[in-house]
């Protein structure tokens, strides 16, 4: 199984972020990662922690599709918020 990483995308005007991270289903006897958690939030100041509005769990396939669509819309991968998560 491939190694899934956590990554953050930010929109063009730097006001919204989405965090994609592997979601481990610990309710199963042998925890496995077969989904991604997508959290989304607003950025008010680049120097402060983003305000997260919510999250949802998607299949890896759906998360990949959403990620690709966001990149097409001009969202970019960022690491400036990594220290907060």
C-alpha atoms as a PDB file:
ATOM      1  CA  UNK A   1       0.000   0.000   0.000  1.00  0.00           C
ATOM      2  CA  UNK A   2       1.291   3.446  -0.872  1.00  0.00           C
ATOM      3  CA  UNK A   3       2.309   5.887   1.807  1.00  0.00           C
ATOM      4  CA  UNK A   4      -0.239   8.680   2.035  1.00  0.00           C
ATOM      5  CA  UNK A   5       0.922  12.058   3.181  1.00  0.00           C
ATOM      6  CA  UNK A   6      -0.760  15.012   4.736  1.00  0.00           C
ATOM      7  CA  UNK A   7      -0.780  18.164   2.646  1.00  0.00           C
ATOM      8  CA  UNK A   8      -2.362  21.591   2.643  1.00  0.00           C
ATOM      9  CA  UNK A   9      -3.742  23.556  -0.294  1.00  0.00           C
ATOM     10  CA  UNK A  10      -4.437  27.283  -0.246  1.00  0.00           C
ATOM     11  CA  UNK A  11      -6.605  29.196  -2.698  1.00  0.00           C
ATOM     12  CA  UNK A  12      -5.328  31.967  -4.958  1.00  0.00           C
ATOM     13  CA  UNK A  13      -6.344  34.896  -2.776  1.00  0.00           C
ATOM     14  CA  UNK A  14      -4.953  33.086   0.288  1.00  0.00           C
ATOM     15  CA  UNK A  15      -8.236  33.214   2.207  1.00  0.00           C
ATOM     16  CA  UNK A  16      -9.131  29.534   2.350  1.00  0.00           C
ATOM     17  CA  UNK A  17      -7.228  26.335   3.009  1.00  0.00           C
ATOM     18  CA  UNK A  18      -7.967  22.642   2.751  1.00  0.00           C
ATOM     19  CA  UNK A  19      -5.943  20.040   4.611  1.00  0.00           C
ATOM     20  CA  UNK A  20      -5.883  16.511   3.205  1.00  0.00           C
ATOM     21  CA  UNK A  21      -4.650  13.807   5.573  1.00  0.00           C
ATOM     22  CA  UNK A  22      -4.812  10.030   5.778  1.00  0.00           C
ATOM     23  CA  UNK A  23      -7.739   8.862   7.891  1.00  0.00           C
ATOM     24  CA  UNK A  24      -7.115   5.731   9.929  1.00  0.00           C
ATOM     25  CA  UNK A  25     -10.203   3.744  10.788  1.00  0.00           C
ATOM     26  CA  UNK A  26      -9.395   2.618  14.322  1.00  0.00           C
ATOM     27  CA  UNK A  27     -12.788   0.951  14.738  1.00  0.00           C
ATOM     28  CA  UNK A  28     -11.548  -1.995  12.679  1.00  0.00           C
ATOM     29  CA  UNK A  29      -9.564  -4.856  14.239  1.00  0.00           C
ATOM     30  CA  UNK A  30      -6.505  -3.985  12.161  1.00  0.00           C
ATOM     31  CA  UNK A  31      -6.540  -0.224  11.598  1.00  0.00           C
ATOM     32  CA  UNK A  32      -6.023   0.606   7.956  1.00  0.00           C
ATOM     33  CA  UNK A  33      -5.930   3.792   6.004  1.00  0.00           C
ATOM     34  CA  UNK A  34      -8.467   3.587   3.216  1.00  0.00           C
ATOM     35  CA  UNK A  35      -9.833   7.105   3.396  1.00  0.00           C
ATOM     36  CA  UNK A  36      -8.730  10.720   3.594  1.00  0.00           C
ATOM     37  CA  UNK A  37      -9.942  13.390   5.960  1.00  0.00           C
ATOM     38  CA  UNK A  38     -10.454  16.736   4.258  1.00  0.00           C
ATOM     39  CA  UNK A  39     -10.548  19.689   6.662  1.00  0.00           C
ATOM     40  CA  UNK A  40     -11.348  23.165   5.474  1.00  0.00           C
ATOM     41  CA  UNK A  41     -10.956  26.581   6.970  1.00  0.00           C
ATOM     42  CA  UNK A  42     -10.433  30.293   6.549  1.00  0.00           C
ATOM     43  CA  UNK A  43      -7.229  32.258   6.766  1.00  0.00           C
ATOM     44  CA  UNK A  44      -7.528  35.706   8.289  1.00  0.00           C
ATOM     45  CA  UNK A  45      -3.869  36.525   8.824  1.00  0.00           C
ATOM     46  CA  UNK A  46      -1.001  34.604   7.372  1.00  0.00           C
ATOM     47  CA  UNK A  47       0.814  34.788  10.690  1.00  0.00           C
ATOM     48  CA  UNK A  48      -1.990  33.271  12.746  1.00  0.00           C
ATOM     49  CA  UNK A  49      -3.574  29.858  12.890  1.00  0.00           C
ATOM     50  CA  UNK A  50      -6.329  29.325  10.294  1.00  0.00           C
ATOM     51  CA  UNK A  51      -9.866  28.997  11.634  1.00  0.00           C
ATOM     52  CA  UNK A  52     -11.009  25.518  10.725  1.00  0.00           C
ATOM     53  CA  UNK A  53     -14.689  25.285   9.795  1.00  0.00           C
ATOM     54  CA  UNK A  54     -15.118  21.537   9.563  1.00  0.00           C
ATOM     55  CA  UNK A  55     -13.971  18.301   8.053  1.00  0.00           C
ATOM     56  CA  UNK A  56     -15.287  15.254   6.297  1.00  0.00           C
ATOM     57  CA  UNK A  57     -13.988  11.815   5.416  1.00  0.00           C
ATOM     58  CA  UNK A  58     -13.760  10.879   1.737  1.00  0.00           C
ATOM     59  CA  UNK A  59     -12.562   7.838  -0.137  1.00  0.00           C
ATOM     60  CA  UNK A  60      -8.981   8.179  -1.333  1.00  0.00           C
ATOM     61  CA  UNK A  61     -10.300   8.302  -4.901  1.00  0.00           C
ATOM     62  CA  UNK A  62     -12.739  11.164  -4.147  1.00  0.00           C
ATOM     63  CA  UNK A  63     -10.053  13.083  -2.238  1.00  0.00           C
ATOM     64  CA  UNK A  64      -7.638  12.731  -5.180  1.00  0.00           C
ATOM     65  CA  UNK A  65     -10.299  13.995  -7.560  1.00  0.00           C
ATOM     66  CA  UNK A  66     -11.056  17.005  -5.352  1.00  0.00           C
ATOM     67  CA  UNK A  67      -7.324  17.730  -4.997  1.00  0.00           C
ATOM     68  CA  UNK A  68      -6.871  17.672  -8.788  1.00  0.00           C
ATOM     69  CA  UNK A  69      -9.882  19.962  -9.298  1.00  0.00           C
ATOM     70  CA  UNK A  70      -8.595  22.464  -6.725  1.00  0.00           C
ATOM     71  CA  UNK A  71      -5.201  22.571  -8.466  1.00  0.00           C
ATOM     72  CA  UNK A  72      -7.001  23.294 -11.746  1.00  0.00           C
ATOM     73  CA  UNK A  73      -8.836  26.177 -10.041  1.00  0.00           C
ATOM     74  CA  UNK A  74      -5.510  27.699  -9.052  1.00  0.00           C
ATOM     75  CA  UNK A  75      -5.088  26.373  -5.503  1.00  0.00           C
ATOM     76  CA  UNK A  76      -1.460  25.735  -4.546  1.00  0.00           C
ATOM     77  CA  UNK A  77       0.283  23.356  -2.194  1.00  0.00           C
ATOM     78  CA  UNK A  78       1.623  25.188   0.850  1.00  0.00           C
ATOM     79  CA  UNK A  79       3.587  24.376   3.959  1.00  0.00           C
ATOM     80  CA  UNK A  80       3.293  27.719   5.775  1.00  0.00           C
ATOM     81  CA  UNK A  81       0.666  26.328   8.157  1.00  0.00           C
ATOM     82  CA  UNK A  82       2.388  23.022   8.928  1.00  0.00           C
ATOM     83  CA  UNK A  83       3.495  24.264  12.339  1.00  0.00           C
ATOM     84  CA  UNK A  84      -0.143  24.622  13.396  1.00  0.00           C
ATOM     85  CA  UNK A  85      -1.258  21.064  12.593  1.00  0.00           C
END
